[in-house]
């Protein structure tokens, strides 16, 4: 695996997909990429350069959880669908998340000191208002890391080295990532906010991987993909949190799609009924623009009504001033 450094393989994008206006003025143009793939691996539709490299960040946690499933570690540890949703989560650090992660660690005779994700202040409003201190279990990736630890224990890997890019755990994650995206190894990577390696792929490659989750093969990997996908769909609040776009969009589609956000403007989508997967990236990392584009992608593939309140709120957002007057809007421009 190739560490970051040297030539920058993440080039500039060239396609405006989301605009914000203020009165008659276009104030911001958010360039990006959107790739929609089918189960054959074909790119059905694409905007921007879908073959350009991106860091998919937390939008591919379901791929990072594949070794946990395929090895039998999840079943050996008695993990439930709630655990699997947390393994794929970027959660809010609410008690419903942290209590479950803490219990998961305790079942392995571990505590949060075993987590290598670093401490994070609470995102949960109640905990913030109460002045709760930062902690590792509050980290939005603590469920993913509990999954890494479960896998490490199962295969006898060193628990304190589960994030080592050249170690057993991340080596197996890299293999799963390369196999599902179709990328060649060794994979370039950057280090994510939670300290785990984040492997580079194209938006097209990630979209193809998501299409495999949408229409899994009839084999062990397909069974693992189905269980992870269905756990995310069954527990959207555990996988994200109250008021988060992931949970709102999964619920708005009545579970017809599973979406997962990643930092700096990334989203992935899994659409089982059509056997489609998608990946998008907003160049400047704007979260609101990525949420708008994700909603538009769900409308495009036919699992979200454009008139649904969640779709309207995200895709064509009114911008108001402090007097409550509408002074502009954010809108998607797929064309």
Protein backbone atom coordinates (compact mmCIF):
# COMPACT_ATOMS: atom_id res chain seq x y z
CA UNK A 1 0.00 0.00 0.00
CA UNK A 2 1.30 3.42 -0.96
CA UNK A 3 1.15 6.18 1.68
CA UNK A 4 0.09 9.68 0.83
CA UNK A 5 2.68 12.11 -0.43
CA UNK A 6 4.35 13.08 -3.67
CA UNK A 7 2.20 13.76 -6.70
CA UNK A 8 -1.38 14.79 -5.92
CA UNK A 9 -3.65 12.31 -7.67
CA UNK A 10 -6.81 14.17 -6.61
CA UNK A 11 -7.13 16.63 -9.48
CA UNK A 12 -9.63 19.47 -9.82
CA UNK A 13 -13.15 18.69 -10.99
CA UNK A 14 -14.83 20.45 -13.88
CA UNK A 15 -18.60 20.12 -13.58
CA UNK A 16 -20.90 22.41 -11.55
CA UNK A 17 -23.66 20.29 -10.03
CA UNK A 18 -25.04 22.52 -7.26
CA UNK A 19 -25.59 26.28 -7.26
CA UNK A 20 -26.43 28.77 -4.56
CA UNK A 21 -27.95 32.07 -5.56
CA UNK A 22 -28.66 35.28 -3.70
CA UNK A 23 -31.26 37.31 -5.53
CA UNK A 24 -30.23 37.35 -9.21
CA UNK A 25 -26.60 36.60 -8.32
CA UNK A 26 -24.99 33.15 -8.50
CA UNK A 27 -23.00 33.21 -5.31
CA UNK A 28 -21.45 29.70 -5.21
CA UNK A 29 -20.84 27.03 -7.81
CA UNK A 30 -20.18 23.58 -6.34
CA UNK A 31 -18.38 21.40 -8.86
CA UNK A 32 -18.42 17.66 -8.44
CA UNK A 33 -18.84 14.14 -9.72
CA UNK A 34 -21.80 11.75 -9.72
CA UNK A 35 -21.56 8.18 -11.04
CA UNK A 36 -24.49 5.75 -11.19
CA UNK A 37 -23.56 2.10 -11.85
CA UNK A 38 -25.59 -1.04 -12.45
CA UNK A 39 -24.94 -4.59 -11.28
CA UNK A 40 -23.05 -5.45 -14.48
CA UNK A 41 -20.49 -2.78 -13.61
CA UNK A 42 -21.62 -0.42 -16.36
CA UNK A 43 -21.88 3.30 -15.60
CA UNK A 44 -25.50 4.11 -16.44
CA UNK A 45 -25.10 7.87 -16.02
CA UNK A 46 -22.26 10.13 -15.06
CA UNK A 47 -21.64 13.80 -14.43
CA UNK A 48 -18.13 15.17 -14.23
CA UNK A 49 -15.10 12.93 -14.66
CA UNK A 50 -16.31 9.73 -12.99
CA UNK A 51 -12.91 8.08 -13.44
CA UNK A 52 -11.12 10.75 -11.47
CA UNK A 53 -9.65 9.69 -8.13
CA UNK A 54 -11.38 10.56 -4.86
CA UNK A 55 -11.03 9.72 -1.19
CA UNK A 56 -14.43 8.18 -0.35
CA UNK A 57 -14.01 8.74 3.39
CA UNK A 58 -16.76 7.29 5.60
CA UNK A 59 -19.10 6.68 2.68
CA UNK A 60 -17.57 3.19 2.24
CA UNK A 61 -17.75 1.88 5.81
CA UNK A 62 -19.83 -1.05 4.59
CA UNK A 63 -16.82 -2.15 2.51
CA UNK A 64 -14.54 -1.74 5.52
CA UNK A 65 -16.87 -4.07 7.44
CA UNK A 66 -16.71 -6.90 4.88
CA UNK A 67 -13.80 -8.76 6.54
CA UNK A 68 -15.73 -8.70 9.83
CA UNK A 69 -18.59 -10.50 8.10
CA UNK A 70 -16.78 -12.81 5.69
CA UNK A 71 -14.41 -14.17 8.33
CA UNK A 72 -17.23 -15.33 10.59
CA UNK A 73 -16.06 -12.90 13.29
CA UNK A 74 -19.43 -11.14 13.48
CA UNK A 75 -21.33 -14.38 14.06
CA UNK A 76 -18.71 -15.77 16.46
CA UNK A 77 -19.10 -12.61 18.55
CA UNK A 78 -22.90 -12.78 18.41
CA UNK A 79 -23.25 -9.43 16.69
CA UNK A 80 -26.80 -8.30 15.95
CA UNK A 81 -28.11 -6.08 13.17
CA UNK A 82 -27.66 -3.14 15.57
CA UNK A 83 -23.95 -3.92 15.87
CA UNK A 84 -23.66 -4.18 12.09
CA UNK A 85 -25.37 -0.81 11.61
CA UNK A 86 -22.94 0.72 14.11
CA UNK A 87 -19.99 -0.86 12.27
CA UNK A 88 -21.12 1.14 9.22
CA UNK A 89 -22.07 4.26 11.17
CA UNK A 90 -20.99 7.86 11.30
CA UNK A 91 -23.07 8.44 14.40
CA UNK A 92 -23.98 11.44 16.52
CA UNK A 93 -22.54 10.12 19.77
CA UNK A 94 -25.98 10.06 21.37
CA UNK A 95 -26.58 7.61 24.25
CA UNK A 96 -28.26 5.17 21.85
CA UNK A 97 -24.91 4.98 20.04
CA UNK A 98 -22.40 5.19 22.88
CA UNK A 99 -24.23 2.81 25.22
CA UNK A 100 -24.25 0.13 22.54
CA UNK A 101 -20.61 0.66 21.57
CA UNK A 102 -19.55 0.56 25.22
CA UNK A 103 -21.46 -2.68 25.77
CA UNK A 104 -19.90 -4.12 22.60
CA UNK A 105 -16.42 -3.34 23.89
CA UNK A 106 -17.22 -4.73 27.34
CA UNK A 107 -18.33 -8.01 25.75
CA UNK A 108 -14.76 -8.27 24.40
CA UNK A 109 -13.32 -7.40 27.87
CA UNK A 110 -12.23 -4.05 26.45
CA UNK A 111 -13.06 -0.43 27.15
CA UNK A 112 -12.81 2.71 25.07
CA UNK A 113 -9.05 2.90 25.65
CA UNK A 114 -8.76 0.11 23.06
CA UNK A 115 -10.24 2.41 20.40
CA UNK A 116 -7.61 4.13 18.23
CA UNK A 117 -10.06 6.57 16.64
CA UNK A 118 -9.18 9.46 18.93
CA UNK A 119 -11.47 11.45 21.25
CA UNK A 120 -14.22 13.58 19.75
CA UNK A 121 -16.55 16.10 21.38
CA UNK A 122 -20.19 15.06 21.36
CA UNK A 123 -22.30 15.93 18.33
CA UNK A 124 -25.46 15.16 20.28
CA UNK A 125 -27.12 18.44 21.32
CA UNK A 126 -28.12 17.27 24.79
CA UNK A 127 -24.63 16.08 25.61
CA UNK A 128 -23.09 19.28 24.21
CA UNK A 129 -25.42 21.39 26.31
CA UNK A 130 -24.45 19.34 29.37
CA UNK A 131 -20.77 19.97 28.66
CA UNK A 132 -19.86 16.32 28.15
CA UNK A 133 -16.12 15.98 27.51
CA UNK A 134 -14.64 14.50 24.36
CA UNK A 135 -14.08 10.76 24.39
CA UNK A 136 -13.22 7.91 22.05
CA UNK A 137 -16.60 6.24 22.38
CA UNK A 138 -18.20 9.54 21.30
CA UNK A 139 -16.15 9.48 18.12
CA UNK A 140 -18.55 9.14 15.19
CA UNK A 141 -16.48 6.15 13.96
CA UNK A 142 -16.38 4.25 17.27
CA UNK A 143 -18.72 1.54 15.94
CA UNK A 144 -16.48 0.94 12.93
CA UNK A 145 -13.48 0.64 15.23
CA UNK A 146 -15.32 -1.79 17.52
CA UNK A 147 -15.85 -3.86 14.38
CA UNK A 148 -12.14 -3.68 13.55
CA UNK A 149 -11.32 -4.85 17.09
CA UNK A 150 -13.81 -7.72 16.82
CA UNK A 151 -12.15 -8.85 13.60
CA UNK A 152 -8.66 -8.43 15.05
CA UNK A 153 -9.52 -10.64 18.04
CA UNK A 154 -11.06 -13.26 15.77
CA UNK A 155 -7.98 -13.59 13.54
CA UNK A 156 -5.43 -13.12 16.32
CA UNK A 157 -4.11 -9.78 15.12
CA UNK A 158 -2.54 -7.33 17.55
CA UNK A 159 -5.30 -5.17 18.99
CA UNK A 160 -3.05 -2.13 19.31
CA UNK A 161 -2.06 -2.41 15.64
CA UNK A 162 -5.47 -2.80 14.02
CA UNK A 163 -5.03 0.48 12.12
CA UNK A 164 -1.58 -0.35 10.76
CA UNK A 165 -1.87 0.02 6.96
CA UNK A 166 0.50 -2.93 6.56
CA UNK A 167 -1.13 -5.07 9.24
CA UNK A 168 -3.62 -7.92 8.92
CA UNK A 169 -6.83 -5.96 9.58
CA UNK A 170 -6.26 -3.07 7.20
CA UNK A 171 -4.60 -5.37 4.67
CA UNK A 172 -7.83 -7.37 4.49
CA UNK A 173 -9.89 -4.19 4.29
CA UNK A 174 -7.68 -3.02 1.40
CA UNK A 175 -8.19 -6.34 -0.38
CA UNK A 176 -11.98 -6.09 -0.02
CA UNK A 177 -11.88 -2.50 -1.26
CA UNK A 178 -9.77 -3.37 -4.31
CA UNK A 179 -11.91 -6.37 -5.18
CA UNK A 180 -15.23 -4.53 -4.96
CA UNK A 181 -14.11 -1.35 -6.73
CA UNK A 182 -12.03 -3.15 -9.35
CA UNK A 183 -8.92 -1.15 -8.46
CA UNK A 184 -5.41 -2.53 -8.77
CA UNK A 185 -3.21 -2.93 -5.73
CA UNK A 186 -1.20 -1.49 -4.08
CA UNK A 187 -3.77 1.17 -3.24
CA UNK A 188 -2.87 4.75 -2.48
CA UNK A 189 -4.40 6.01 0.74
CA UNK A 190 -4.77 8.96 3.04
CA UNK A 191 -5.33 8.79 6.80
CA UNK A 192 -8.91 9.54 7.75
CA UNK A 193 -10.08 11.68 10.65
CA UNK A 194 -10.51 8.54 12.75
CA UNK A 195 -6.89 7.50 11.95
CA UNK A 196 -7.87 4.57 9.69
CA UNK A 197 -6.38 4.31 6.18
CA UNK A 198 -8.81 5.60 3.55
CA UNK A 199 -8.13 4.10 0.15
CA UNK A 200 -8.32 6.02 -3.10
CA UNK A 201 -10.66 4.99 -5.90
CA UNK A 202 -12.61 6.61 -8.68
CA UNK A 203 -16.23 7.61 -8.18
CA UNK A 204 -17.05 5.03 -10.86
CA UNK A 205 -15.23 2.31 -8.92
CA UNK A 206 -17.05 3.11 -5.70
CA UNK A 207 -20.38 3.25 -7.56
CA UNK A 208 -19.69 -0.23 -8.95
CA UNK A 209 -19.00 -1.48 -5.43
CA UNK A 210 -22.30 -0.02 -4.23
CA UNK A 211 -24.10 -1.72 -7.13
CA UNK A 212 -22.72 -5.02 -5.82
CA UNK A 213 -24.34 -4.28 -2.46
CA UNK A 214 -27.57 -3.51 -4.33
CA UNK A 215 -27.53 -6.80 -6.27
CA UNK A 216 -25.24 -9.14 -4.32
CA UNK A 217 -23.85 -12.33 -5.81
CA UNK A 218 -25.05 -15.68 -4.53
CA UNK A 219 -21.90 -16.36 -2.53
CA UNK A 220 -20.35 -15.62 0.85
CA UNK A 221 -19.46 -12.05 -0.06
CA UNK A 222 -22.95 -11.45 -1.40
CA UNK A 223 -24.44 -12.74 1.86
CA UNK A 224 -22.15 -10.41 3.83
CA UNK A 225 -23.13 -7.45 1.65
CA UNK A 226 -26.82 -8.20 2.07
CA UNK A 227 -26.57 -8.38 5.85
CA UNK A 228 -24.65 -5.11 6.13
CA UNK A 229 -26.94 -3.30 3.70
CA UNK A 230 -30.08 -4.53 5.42
CA UNK A 231 -28.73 -3.62 8.86
CA UNK A 232 -28.11 -0.06 7.69
CA UNK A 233 -31.62 0.06 6.24
CA UNK A 234 -33.19 -1.37 9.40
CA UNK A 235 -31.41 1.02 11.79
CA UNK A 236 -30.89 4.38 10.06
CA UNK A 237 -30.77 6.28 13.35
CA UNK A 238 -28.01 4.03 14.70
CA UNK A 239 -26.16 4.40 11.41
CA UNK A 240 -26.34 8.20 11.50
CA UNK A 241 -28.52 10.07 13.98
CA UNK A 242 -31.61 12.15 14.51
CA UNK A 243 -31.74 15.05 12.06
CA UNK A 244 -28.95 13.68 9.86
CA UNK A 245 -29.43 13.45 6.09
CA UNK A 246 -28.62 9.72 5.89
CA UNK A 247 -31.45 8.72 8.22
CA UNK A 248 -33.82 11.29 6.72
CA UNK A 249 -33.23 10.08 3.16
CA UNK A 250 -33.45 6.37 4.00
CA UNK A 251 -36.75 7.03 5.73
CA UNK A 252 -37.97 9.29 2.92
CA UNK A 253 -37.46 6.45 0.43
CA UNK A 254 -39.27 4.03 2.77
CA UNK A 255 -36.11 1.94 2.84
CA UNK A 256 -35.94 1.59 -0.94
CA UNK A 257 -32.41 2.99 -0.79
CA UNK A 258 -29.53 3.07 1.66
CA UNK A 259 -27.27 6.11 1.60
CA UNK A 260 -24.09 6.85 3.52
CA UNK A 261 -22.28 10.14 3.88
CA UNK A 262 -18.56 10.76 4.17
CA UNK A 263 -16.61 13.83 5.18
CA UNK A 264 -15.76 16.52 2.65
CA UNK A 265 -18.73 16.17 0.35
CA UNK A 266 -18.96 12.43 -0.37
CA UNK A 267 -22.08 10.22 -0.50
CA UNK A 268 -22.76 6.68 -1.62
CA UNK A 269 -26.11 5.10 -2.42
CA UNK A 270 -27.41 1.54 -2.70
CA UNK A 271 -30.70 0.95 -4.57
CA UNK A 272 -31.59 -2.77 -4.35
CA UNK A 273 -34.83 -2.74 -6.34
CA UNK A 274 -33.04 -1.41 -9.42
CA UNK A 275 -29.67 -3.07 -8.80
CA UNK A 276 -27.97 0.35 -8.84
CA UNK A 277 -25.26 2.01 -6.84
CA UNK A 278 -23.96 5.55 -6.92
CA UNK A 279 -21.13 7.67 -5.61
CA UNK A 280 -20.82 11.43 -5.56
CA UNK A 281 -18.22 13.93 -4.47
CA UNK A 282 -18.50 17.71 -4.16
CA UNK A 283 -15.12 19.26 -4.92
CA UNK A 284 -15.11 21.91 -2.22
CA UNK A 285 -16.40 19.46 0.41
CA UNK A 286 -19.60 21.41 1.07
CA UNK A 287 -21.89 19.12 3.09
CA UNK A 288 -25.16 20.84 2.16
CA UNK A 289 -24.29 20.59 -1.53
CA UNK A 290 -23.51 16.88 -1.19
CA UNK A 291 -26.81 16.26 0.61
CA UNK A 292 -28.67 18.12 -2.13
CA UNK A 293 -26.94 16.07 -4.83
CA UNK A 294 -27.63 12.81 -2.98
CA UNK A 295 -31.34 13.62 -2.82
CA UNK A 296 -31.30 14.45 -6.54
CA UNK A 297 -29.57 11.13 -7.30
CA UNK A 298 -32.31 9.26 -5.43
CA UNK A 299 -34.94 11.12 -7.43
CA UNK A 300 -33.04 10.35 -10.63
CA UNK A 301 -33.02 6.59 -9.98
CA UNK A 302 -36.72 6.59 -9.11
CA UNK A 303 -36.85 5.83 -5.39
CA UNK A 304 -37.58 9.31 -4.02
CA UNK A 305 -40.44 11.59 -5.01
CA UNK A 306 -39.14 15.05 -5.89
CA UNK A 307 -42.14 16.48 -4.05
CA UNK A 308 -41.33 14.71 -0.78
CA UNK A 309 -40.63 17.30 1.96
CA UNK A 310 -37.15 15.90 2.58
CA UNK A 311 -36.30 16.01 -1.13
CA UNK A 312 -37.60 19.56 -1.48
CA UNK A 313 -35.76 20.72 1.64
CA UNK A 314 -32.44 19.35 0.42
CA UNK A 315 -32.63 19.84 -3.35
CA UNK A 316 -34.03 23.34 -3.51
CA UNK A 317 -33.24 24.92 -0.17
CA UNK A 318 -34.44 28.43 0.54
CA UNK A 319 -31.80 30.76 1.96
CA UNK A 320 -33.25 33.23 4.46
CA UNK A 321 -31.80 36.27 6.17
CA UNK A 322 -32.16 37.03 9.87
CA UNK A 323 -35.53 38.66 9.21
CA UNK A 324 -36.82 35.40 7.81
CA UNK A 325 -36.97 36.75 4.25
CA UNK A 326 -36.14 34.41 1.36
CA UNK A 327 -33.06 35.93 -0.29
CA UNK A 328 -31.73 33.01 -2.32
CA UNK A 329 -31.68 29.27 -2.78
CA UNK A 330 -29.48 26.21 -3.18
CA UNK A 331 -30.40 23.95 -6.10
CA UNK A 332 -29.09 20.98 -8.05
CA UNK A 333 -28.30 21.41 -11.74
CA UNK A 334 -27.85 17.94 -13.20
CA UNK A 335 -29.16 18.99 -16.63
